[in-house]
Amino acid sequence: MNRELHIVGFQVGRETYGVPITSLHEIVRVPEITAVPDAPDYLEGVINLRGKIVSVMDLRKRFGDKQATLKKQNRILVVEHSGKLAGLIVDSASEVLKIPSEDVEAPPAVFQEGGLNCVTGLGKVRGRLVVLLDMTKLLAPASLLQHNGNTETKIAKAEARGAAAP
């Protein structure tokens, strides 16, 4: 049986990413975002979406672009995860892609080693690659803490080495 993945494709920088269409709630223009104190730099804040408070993450910053600035064509993909809504700022939302399951490959091992465990696979669509993202790992608090926790772990290890040095 030929299975197809139905993916919402979107751009972040020069790359095309995709999330399952089943997790997409809606796509909206970027409204005014209320900043939240002590949030990681890629967590822009929260928005009021028809009475619901939705946290908004800038995927460009989440993926390491520290110079990301909002433009008119930016969109927020509002996704549902564990019964809650979350917003992902992307450069543009492109299309719904139907990718045959045989055209999806597992991510290279280097993705896992580099801490990019939110990538579930690479889909081949019309001669280009679409990076498929796992919403659970992208939005899970553990992965958010791990992103910041790596620095804290390195500092703690360095301090331990310093304390052990004569």
N, C-alpha and C. Protein backbone atom coordinates (compact mmCIF):
# COMPACT_ATOMS: atom_id res chain seq x y z
N MET A 1 0.84 -1.19 0.00
CA MET A 1 0.00 0.00 0.00
C MET A 1 0.88 1.25 0.00
N ASN A 2 0.59 2.16 -0.91
CA ASN A 2 1.37 3.40 -1.01
C ASN A 2 0.81 4.44 -0.05
N ARG A 3 1.60 4.81 0.95
CA ARG A 3 1.16 5.83 1.90
C ARG A 3 1.81 7.15 1.56
N GLU A 4 1.08 8.22 1.77
CA GLU A 4 1.61 9.56 1.54
C GLU A 4 1.59 10.33 2.85
N LEU A 5 2.62 11.12 3.07
CA LEU A 5 2.63 12.04 4.19
C LEU A 5 2.08 13.36 3.69
N HIS A 6 1.18 13.95 4.45
CA HIS A 6 0.65 15.26 4.11
C HIS A 6 1.33 16.26 5.03
N ILE A 7 2.13 17.12 4.43
CA ILE A 7 3.03 18.01 5.17
C ILE A 7 2.73 19.45 4.80
N VAL A 8 2.79 20.34 5.79
CA VAL A 8 2.74 21.77 5.52
C VAL A 8 4.18 22.23 5.35
N GLY A 9 4.50 22.73 4.16
CA GLY A 9 5.85 23.19 3.89
C GLY A 9 6.00 24.66 4.22
N PHE A 10 7.16 25.03 4.77
CA PHE A 10 7.43 26.44 5.08
C PHE A 10 8.91 26.71 4.98
N GLN A 11 9.26 27.98 4.81
CA GLN A 11 10.64 28.38 4.66
C GLN A 11 11.16 28.98 5.96
N VAL A 12 12.39 28.61 6.29
CA VAL A 12 13.16 29.27 7.34
C VAL A 12 14.54 29.45 6.72
N GLY A 13 14.89 30.70 6.43
CA GLY A 13 16.12 30.94 5.68
C GLY A 13 15.96 30.38 4.28
N ARG A 14 16.98 29.67 3.80
CA ARG A 14 16.92 29.09 2.45
C ARG A 14 16.32 27.70 2.44
N GLU A 15 16.04 27.14 3.60
CA GLU A 15 15.60 25.76 3.69
C GLU A 15 14.07 25.64 3.74
N THR A 16 13.60 24.50 3.25
CA THR A 16 12.18 24.17 3.35
C THR A 16 12.02 23.12 4.43
N TYR A 17 11.12 23.38 5.36
CA TYR A 17 10.83 22.46 6.45
C TYR A 17 9.38 22.02 6.32
N GLY A 18 9.03 20.98 7.05
CA GLY A 18 7.66 20.52 7.01
C GLY A 18 7.23 19.94 8.34
N VAL A 19 5.95 20.14 8.63
CA VAL A 19 5.33 19.53 9.81
C VAL A 19 4.05 18.83 9.33
N PRO A 20 3.64 17.79 10.03
CA PRO A 20 2.41 17.08 9.61
C PRO A 20 1.22 18.04 9.59
N ILE A 21 0.42 17.94 8.54
CA ILE A 21 -0.74 18.83 8.42
C ILE A 21 -1.71 18.62 9.57
N THR A 22 -1.69 17.42 10.16
CA THR A 22 -2.60 17.13 11.27
C THR A 22 -2.28 17.96 12.51
N SER A 23 -1.04 18.44 12.63
CA SER A 23 -0.69 19.24 13.82
C SER A 23 -0.94 20.74 13.58
N LEU A 24 -1.24 21.13 12.33
CA LEU A 24 -1.45 22.55 12.03
C LEU A 24 -2.85 22.98 12.43
N HIS A 25 -2.93 24.06 13.17
CA HIS A 25 -4.21 24.63 13.56
C HIS A 25 -4.60 25.71 12.56
N GLU A 26 -3.68 26.64 12.29
CA GLU A 26 -3.89 27.70 11.30
C GLU A 26 -2.59 28.45 11.05
N ILE A 27 -2.61 29.30 10.03
CA ILE A 27 -1.47 30.16 9.70
C ILE A 27 -1.97 31.60 9.79
N VAL A 28 -1.26 32.43 10.55
CA VAL A 28 -1.68 33.82 10.74
C VAL A 28 -0.51 34.77 10.48
N ARG A 29 -0.86 36.02 10.18
CA ARG A 29 0.15 37.08 10.09
C ARG A 29 0.68 37.33 11.50
N VAL A 30 1.87 37.90 11.59
CA VAL A 30 2.47 38.13 12.90
C VAL A 30 1.82 39.37 13.54
N PRO A 31 1.06 39.16 14.62
CA PRO A 31 0.46 40.29 15.34
C PRO A 31 1.47 40.86 16.34
N GLU A 32 1.02 41.77 17.17
CA GLU A 32 1.88 42.27 18.24
C GLU A 32 2.13 41.14 19.23
N ILE A 33 3.40 40.96 19.58
CA ILE A 33 3.79 39.88 20.49
C ILE A 33 4.17 40.49 21.82
N THR A 34 3.62 39.93 22.90
CA THR A 34 3.95 40.39 24.25
C THR A 34 5.13 39.60 24.77
N ALA A 35 6.19 40.30 25.11
CA ALA A 35 7.41 39.64 25.60
C ALA A 35 7.16 39.01 26.98
N VAL A 36 7.89 37.93 27.25
CA VAL A 36 7.80 37.23 28.53
C VAL A 36 9.17 37.30 29.19
N PRO A 37 9.24 37.78 30.44
CA PRO A 37 10.55 37.87 31.10
C PRO A 37 11.20 36.50 31.31
N ASP A 38 12.53 36.48 31.30
CA ASP A 38 13.34 35.29 31.56
C ASP A 38 13.11 34.15 30.56
N ALA A 39 12.59 34.47 29.37
CA ALA A 39 12.38 33.43 28.36
C ALA A 39 13.66 33.28 27.54
N PRO A 40 13.90 32.09 26.97
CA PRO A 40 15.05 31.94 26.07
C PRO A 40 14.92 32.92 24.90
N ASP A 41 16.03 33.27 24.27
CA ASP A 41 15.99 34.30 23.23
C ASP A 41 15.12 33.92 22.04
N TYR A 42 14.93 32.63 21.77
CA TYR A 42 14.11 32.24 20.62
C TYR A 42 12.62 32.21 20.94
N LEU A 43 12.26 32.36 22.23
CA LEU A 43 10.85 32.44 22.61
C LEU A 43 10.47 33.91 22.59
N GLU A 44 9.76 34.32 21.54
CA GLU A 44 9.45 35.73 21.33
C GLU A 44 8.48 36.27 22.38
N GLY A 45 7.57 35.42 22.86
CA GLY A 45 6.58 35.86 23.84
C GLY A 45 5.27 35.15 23.61
N VAL A 46 4.17 35.88 23.83
CA VAL A 46 2.84 35.30 23.66
C VAL A 46 1.96 36.23 22.83
N ILE A 47 0.95 35.63 22.19
CA ILE A 47 -0.05 36.41 21.47
C ILE A 47 -1.42 36.00 21.97
N ASN A 48 -2.39 36.87 21.74
CA ASN A 48 -3.78 36.58 22.06
C ASN A 48 -4.46 36.22 20.75
N LEU A 49 -4.76 34.94 20.58
CA LEU A 49 -5.39 34.46 19.35
C LEU A 49 -6.85 34.15 19.64
N ARG A 50 -7.72 35.12 19.36
CA ARG A 50 -9.15 34.99 19.62
C ARG A 50 -9.44 34.48 21.03
N GLY A 51 -8.79 35.10 22.00
CA GLY A 51 -9.05 34.78 23.40
C GLY A 51 -8.16 33.69 23.98
N LYS A 52 -7.36 33.03 23.15
CA LYS A 52 -6.44 32.01 23.66
C LYS A 52 -5.03 32.58 23.67
N ILE A 53 -4.32 32.34 24.76
CA ILE A 53 -2.93 32.77 24.87
C ILE A 53 -2.05 31.70 24.23
N VAL A 54 -1.25 32.11 23.26
CA VAL A 54 -0.41 31.19 22.49
C VAL A 54 1.04 31.65 22.61
N SER A 55 1.94 30.76 23.07
CA SER A 55 3.36 31.10 23.12
C SER A 55 3.91 31.04 21.69
N VAL A 56 4.87 31.94 21.40
CA VAL A 56 5.40 32.06 20.05
C VAL A 56 6.92 31.90 20.07
N MET A 57 7.40 30.93 19.27
CA MET A 57 8.84 30.66 19.14
C MET A 57 9.28 31.08 17.74
N ASP A 58 10.41 31.78 17.65
CA ASP A 58 10.97 32.15 16.36
C ASP A 58 11.88 31.01 15.91
N LEU A 59 11.47 30.28 14.87
CA LEU A 59 12.26 29.12 14.43
C LEU A 59 13.63 29.52 13.91
N ARG A 60 13.77 30.72 13.35
CA ARG A 60 15.08 31.15 12.87
C ARG A 60 16.06 31.23 14.04
N LYS A 61 15.61 31.81 15.14
CA LYS A 61 16.46 31.91 16.33
C LYS A 61 16.67 30.53 16.95
N ARG A 62 15.62 29.70 16.95
CA ARG A 62 15.71 28.35 17.51
C ARG A 62 16.75 27.53 16.77
N PHE A 63 16.88 27.79 15.45
CA PHE A 63 17.84 27.07 14.63
C PHE A 63 19.19 27.77 14.55
N GLY A 64 19.40 28.83 15.37
CA GLY A 64 20.73 29.41 15.48
C GLY A 64 20.96 30.74 14.81
N ASP A 65 19.96 31.35 14.16
CA ASP A 65 20.15 32.66 13.51
C ASP A 65 19.87 33.75 14.54
N LYS A 66 20.93 34.31 15.11
CA LYS A 66 20.76 35.31 16.17
C LYS A 66 20.33 36.67 15.64
N GLN A 67 20.49 36.91 14.32
CA GLN A 67 20.19 38.21 13.72
C GLN A 67 18.78 38.28 13.14
N ALA A 68 17.93 37.32 13.43
CA ALA A 68 16.61 37.25 12.82
C ALA A 68 15.77 38.49 13.17
N THR A 69 15.23 39.13 12.14
CA THR A 69 14.31 40.25 12.35
C THR A 69 13.02 39.97 11.60
N LEU A 70 11.93 40.47 12.14
CA LEU A 70 10.62 40.20 11.54
C LEU A 70 10.44 41.03 10.27
N LYS A 71 9.84 40.41 9.27
CA LYS A 71 9.51 41.08 8.01
C LYS A 71 8.02 40.90 7.74
N LYS A 72 7.53 41.64 6.76
CA LYS A 72 6.11 41.61 6.45
C LYS A 72 5.61 40.24 6.02
N GLN A 73 6.46 39.47 5.31
CA GLN A 73 6.02 38.17 4.81
C GLN A 73 6.12 37.06 5.86
N ASN A 74 6.67 37.33 7.05
CA ASN A 74 6.73 36.31 8.10
C ASN A 74 5.31 35.88 8.47
N ARG A 75 5.19 34.63 8.84
CA ARG A 75 3.92 34.08 9.28
C ARG A 75 4.13 33.30 10.57
N ILE A 76 3.04 33.10 11.28
CA ILE A 76 3.07 32.23 12.46
C ILE A 76 2.25 30.99 12.12
N LEU A 77 2.91 29.84 12.20
CA LEU A 77 2.19 28.57 12.08
C LEU A 77 1.70 28.24 13.48
N VAL A 78 0.40 28.20 13.66
CA VAL A 78 -0.15 27.84 14.96
C VAL A 78 -0.38 26.32 14.92
N VAL A 79 0.37 25.63 15.77
CA VAL A 79 0.30 24.17 15.79
C VAL A 79 -0.26 23.71 17.13
N GLU A 80 -0.87 22.55 17.10
CA GLU A 80 -1.40 21.96 18.32
C GLU A 80 -0.45 20.87 18.77
N HIS A 81 -0.08 20.92 20.04
CA HIS A 81 0.83 19.93 20.59
C HIS A 81 0.39 19.61 22.01
N SER A 82 0.13 18.35 22.26
CA SER A 82 -0.33 17.89 23.59
C SER A 82 -1.53 18.70 24.07
N GLY A 83 -2.44 18.99 23.15
CA GLY A 83 -3.66 19.71 23.52
C GLY A 83 -3.48 21.20 23.70
N LYS A 84 -2.28 21.74 23.48
CA LYS A 84 -2.03 23.17 23.62
C LYS A 84 -1.60 23.75 22.29
N LEU A 85 -1.88 25.03 22.11
CA LEU A 85 -1.47 25.71 20.89
C LEU A 85 -0.11 26.38 21.09
N ALA A 86 0.71 26.35 20.06
CA ALA A 86 2.01 27.04 20.07
C ALA A 86 2.19 27.67 18.70
N GLY A 87 2.87 28.82 18.68
CA GLY A 87 3.11 29.51 17.42
C GLY A 87 4.57 29.40 17.02
N LEU A 88 4.81 29.19 15.73
CA LEU A 88 6.16 29.11 15.19
C LEU A 88 6.32 30.20 14.13
N ILE A 89 7.22 31.16 14.38
CA ILE A 89 7.45 32.20 13.37
C ILE A 89 8.34 31.61 12.29
N VAL A 90 7.87 31.71 11.03
CA VAL A 90 8.61 31.21 9.88
C VAL A 90 8.73 32.36 8.87
N ASP A 91 9.67 32.21 7.91
CA ASP A 91 9.83 33.25 6.90
C ASP A 91 8.62 33.31 5.98
N SER A 92 8.12 32.16 5.57
CA SER A 92 6.89 32.11 4.78
C SER A 92 6.36 30.68 4.80
N ALA A 93 5.05 30.58 4.70
CA ALA A 93 4.42 29.26 4.61
C ALA A 93 4.16 29.03 3.13
N SER A 94 4.63 27.90 2.61
CA SER A 94 4.57 27.74 1.17
C SER A 94 3.38 26.93 0.69
N GLU A 95 3.29 25.66 1.07
CA GLU A 95 2.30 24.81 0.43
C GLU A 95 2.05 23.56 1.25
N VAL A 96 1.02 22.84 0.84
CA VAL A 96 0.79 21.52 1.39
C VAL A 96 1.46 20.54 0.44
N LEU A 97 2.33 19.70 0.98
CA LEU A 97 3.09 18.74 0.18
C LEU A 97 2.58 17.34 0.46
N LYS A 98 2.45 16.56 -0.59
CA LYS A 98 2.12 15.14 -0.44
C LYS A 98 3.37 14.37 -0.82
N ILE A 99 3.99 13.73 0.19
CA ILE A 99 5.24 13.03 -0.03
C ILE A 99 5.00 11.53 0.14
N PRO A 100 5.23 10.74 -0.91
CA PRO A 100 5.10 9.29 -0.75
C PRO A 100 6.08 8.79 0.32
N SER A 101 5.63 7.85 1.15
CA SER A 101 6.46 7.40 2.27
C SER A 101 7.80 6.83 1.79
N GLU A 102 7.86 6.28 0.58
CA GLU A 102 9.14 5.75 0.09
C GLU A 102 10.13 6.86 -0.28
N ASP A 103 9.65 8.12 -0.37
CA ASP A 103 10.53 9.26 -0.66
C ASP A 103 11.00 9.97 0.60
N VAL A 104 10.80 9.34 1.76
CA VAL A 104 11.25 9.91 3.03
C VAL A 104 12.36 9.04 3.59
N GLU A 105 13.49 9.67 3.91
CA GLU A 105 14.62 8.94 4.50
C GLU A 105 14.84 9.40 5.93
N ALA A 106 15.37 8.49 6.73
CA ALA A 106 15.70 8.83 8.12
C ALA A 106 16.81 9.89 8.12
N PRO A 107 16.83 10.75 9.15
CA PRO A 107 17.88 11.77 9.20
C PRO A 107 19.26 11.12 9.42
N PRO A 108 20.30 11.73 8.86
CA PRO A 108 21.65 11.20 9.10
C PRO A 108 21.97 11.21 10.60
N ALA A 109 22.83 10.30 11.02
CA ALA A 109 23.19 10.16 12.44
C ALA A 109 23.77 11.45 13.00
N VAL A 110 24.43 12.24 12.16
CA VAL A 110 25.05 13.48 12.63
C VAL A 110 24.00 14.45 13.20
N PHE A 111 22.74 14.36 12.72
CA PHE A 111 21.68 15.21 13.25
C PHE A 111 21.43 14.88 14.71
N GLN A 112 21.40 13.59 15.03
CA GLN A 112 21.16 13.15 16.40
C GLN A 112 22.32 13.57 17.31
N GLU A 113 23.54 13.38 16.82
CA GLU A 113 24.73 13.68 17.62
C GLU A 113 24.84 15.18 17.89
N GLY A 114 24.43 15.98 16.92
CA GLY A 114 24.55 17.43 17.07
C GLY A 114 23.44 18.04 17.91
N GLY A 115 22.57 17.22 18.47
CA GLY A 115 21.49 17.74 19.30
C GLY A 115 20.27 18.16 18.48
N LEU A 116 20.29 17.92 17.16
CA LEU A 116 19.16 18.28 16.32
C LEU A 116 18.19 17.10 16.25
N ASN A 117 17.73 16.67 17.40
CA ASN A 117 16.88 15.49 17.43
C ASN A 117 15.43 15.82 17.10
N CYS A 118 15.13 17.05 16.67
CA CYS A 118 13.76 17.39 16.29
C CYS A 118 13.51 17.06 14.82
N VAL A 119 14.52 16.57 14.10
CA VAL A 119 14.37 16.19 12.69
C VAL A 119 13.97 14.71 12.63
N THR A 120 12.81 14.43 12.00
CA THR A 120 12.35 13.04 11.91
C THR A 120 12.72 12.39 10.59
N GLY A 121 13.00 13.21 9.58
CA GLY A 121 13.34 12.63 8.29
C GLY A 121 13.56 13.71 7.25
N LEU A 122 13.96 13.26 6.07
CA LEU A 122 14.16 14.16 4.93
C LEU A 122 13.30 13.65 3.79
N GLY A 123 12.40 14.51 3.33
CA GLY A 123 11.52 14.13 2.23
C GLY A 123 12.06 14.68 0.92
N LYS A 124 11.97 13.85 -0.12
CA LYS A 124 12.42 14.28 -1.45
C LYS A 124 11.19 14.71 -2.26
N VAL A 125 11.17 15.99 -2.62
CA VAL A 125 10.04 16.55 -3.35
C VAL A 125 10.55 17.35 -4.54
N ARG A 126 10.21 16.91 -5.73
CA ARG A 126 10.58 17.62 -6.96
C ARG A 126 12.03 18.10 -6.96
N GLY A 127 12.95 17.20 -6.64
CA GLY A 127 14.37 17.52 -6.72
C GLY A 127 14.93 18.32 -5.56
N ARG A 128 14.14 18.58 -4.54
CA ARG A 128 14.66 19.30 -3.36
C ARG A 128 14.36 18.49 -2.11
N LEU A 129 15.06 18.83 -1.04
CA LEU A 129 14.85 18.14 0.23
C LEU A 129 13.99 18.99 1.15
N VAL A 130 13.09 18.35 1.83
CA VAL A 130 12.25 19.00 2.84
C VAL A 130 12.61 18.36 4.18
N VAL A 131 13.04 19.19 5.14
CA VAL A 131 13.41 18.70 6.47
C VAL A 131 12.13 18.55 7.29
N LEU A 132 11.83 17.32 7.68
CA LEU A 132 10.61 17.04 8.43
C LEU A 132 10.89 17.16 9.93
N LEU A 133 10.05 17.93 10.61
CA LEU A 133 10.27 18.22 12.03
C LEU A 133 9.28 17.47 12.91
N ASP A 134 9.76 17.06 14.06
CA ASP A 134 8.95 16.40 15.08
C ASP A 134 8.48 17.46 16.07
N MET A 135 7.19 17.75 16.06
CA MET A 135 6.65 18.82 16.91
C MET A 135 6.88 18.52 18.38
N THR A 136 6.80 17.24 18.78
CA THR A 136 6.99 16.88 20.18
C THR A 136 8.36 17.32 20.66
N LYS A 137 9.40 17.00 19.88
CA LYS A 137 10.76 17.32 20.30
C LYS A 137 11.08 18.80 20.11
N LEU A 138 10.48 19.42 19.10
CA LEU A 138 10.73 20.84 18.86
C LEU A 138 10.13 21.70 19.98
N LEU A 139 8.96 21.31 20.46
CA LEU A 139 8.24 22.13 21.44
C LEU A 139 8.33 21.64 22.87
N ALA A 140 8.85 20.43 23.07
CA ALA A 140 8.87 19.87 24.42
C ALA A 140 9.77 20.68 25.34
N PRO A 141 9.31 20.93 26.57
CA PRO A 141 10.13 21.69 27.51
C PRO A 141 11.51 21.06 27.71
N ALA A 142 11.61 19.73 27.65
CA ALA A 142 12.91 19.07 27.85
C ALA A 142 13.89 19.51 26.77
N SER A 143 13.42 19.60 25.52
CA SER A 143 14.34 20.01 24.45
C SER A 143 14.69 21.49 24.59
N LEU A 144 13.76 22.28 25.11
CA LEU A 144 14.06 23.70 25.31
C LEU A 144 15.11 23.84 26.40
N LEU A 145 14.94 23.05 27.47
CA LEU A 145 15.91 23.12 28.56
C LEU A 145 17.26 22.58 28.11
N GLN A 146 17.23 21.52 27.28
CA GLN A 146 18.48 20.93 26.81
C GLN A 146 19.25 21.96 26.00
N HIS A 147 18.53 22.75 25.20
CA HIS A 147 19.17 23.77 24.38
C HIS A 147 19.98 24.73 25.26
N ASN A 148 19.38 25.16 26.38
CA ASN A 148 20.09 26.03 27.31
C ASN A 148 20.95 25.23 28.27
N GLY A 149 20.51 24.01 28.56
CA GLY A 149 21.21 23.18 29.54
C GLY A 149 22.60 22.78 29.09
N ASN A 150 22.82 22.67 27.79
CA ASN A 150 24.15 22.30 27.31
C ASN A 150 25.19 23.29 27.81
N THR A 151 24.87 24.57 27.76
CA THR A 151 25.79 25.59 28.21
C THR A 151 26.04 25.45 29.71
N GLU A 152 24.97 25.25 30.46
CA GLU A 152 25.10 25.11 31.91
C GLU A 152 25.93 23.87 32.26
N THR A 153 25.73 22.78 31.52
CA THR A 153 26.49 21.56 31.77
C THR A 153 27.97 21.80 31.51
N LYS A 154 28.28 22.48 30.41
CA LYS A 154 29.67 22.78 30.09
C LYS A 154 30.31 23.64 31.17
N ILE A 155 29.56 24.63 31.66
CA ILE A 155 30.08 25.50 32.72
C ILE A 155 30.33 24.69 33.99
N ALA A 156 29.37 23.83 34.35
CA ALA A 156 29.51 23.01 35.56
C ALA A 156 30.73 22.09 35.45
N LYS A 157 30.92 21.49 34.25
CA LYS A 157 32.09 20.60 34.05
C LYS A 157 33.39 21.39 34.14
N ALA A 158 33.39 22.58 33.58
CA ALA A 158 34.60 23.41 33.61
C ALA A 158 34.91 23.81 35.06
N GLU A 159 33.86 24.16 35.82
CA GLU A 159 34.07 24.53 37.22
C GLU A 159 34.58 23.33 38.01
N ALA A 160 34.07 22.14 37.72
CA ALA A 160 34.52 20.94 38.43
C ALA A 160 35.98 20.66 38.12
N ARG A 161 36.37 20.84 36.85
CA ARG A 161 37.79 20.64 36.50
C ARG A 161 38.65 21.67 37.21
N GLY A 162 38.14 22.92 37.27
CA GLY A 162 38.92 23.98 37.93
C GLY A 162 39.09 23.71 39.40
N ALA A 163 38.05 23.16 40.05
CA ALA A 163 38.13 22.86 41.48
C ALA A 163 39.09 21.70 41.75
N ALA A 164 39.16 20.78 40.76
CA ALA A 164 40.02 19.62 40.94
C ALA A 164 41.49 19.93 40.64
N ALA A 165 41.73 21.03 39.93
CA ALA A 165 43.11 21.37 39.56
C ALA A 165 43.87 21.83 40.79
N PRO A 166 45.17 21.53 40.87
CA PRO A 166 45.95 21.91 42.06
C PRO A 166 46.18 23.41 42.12
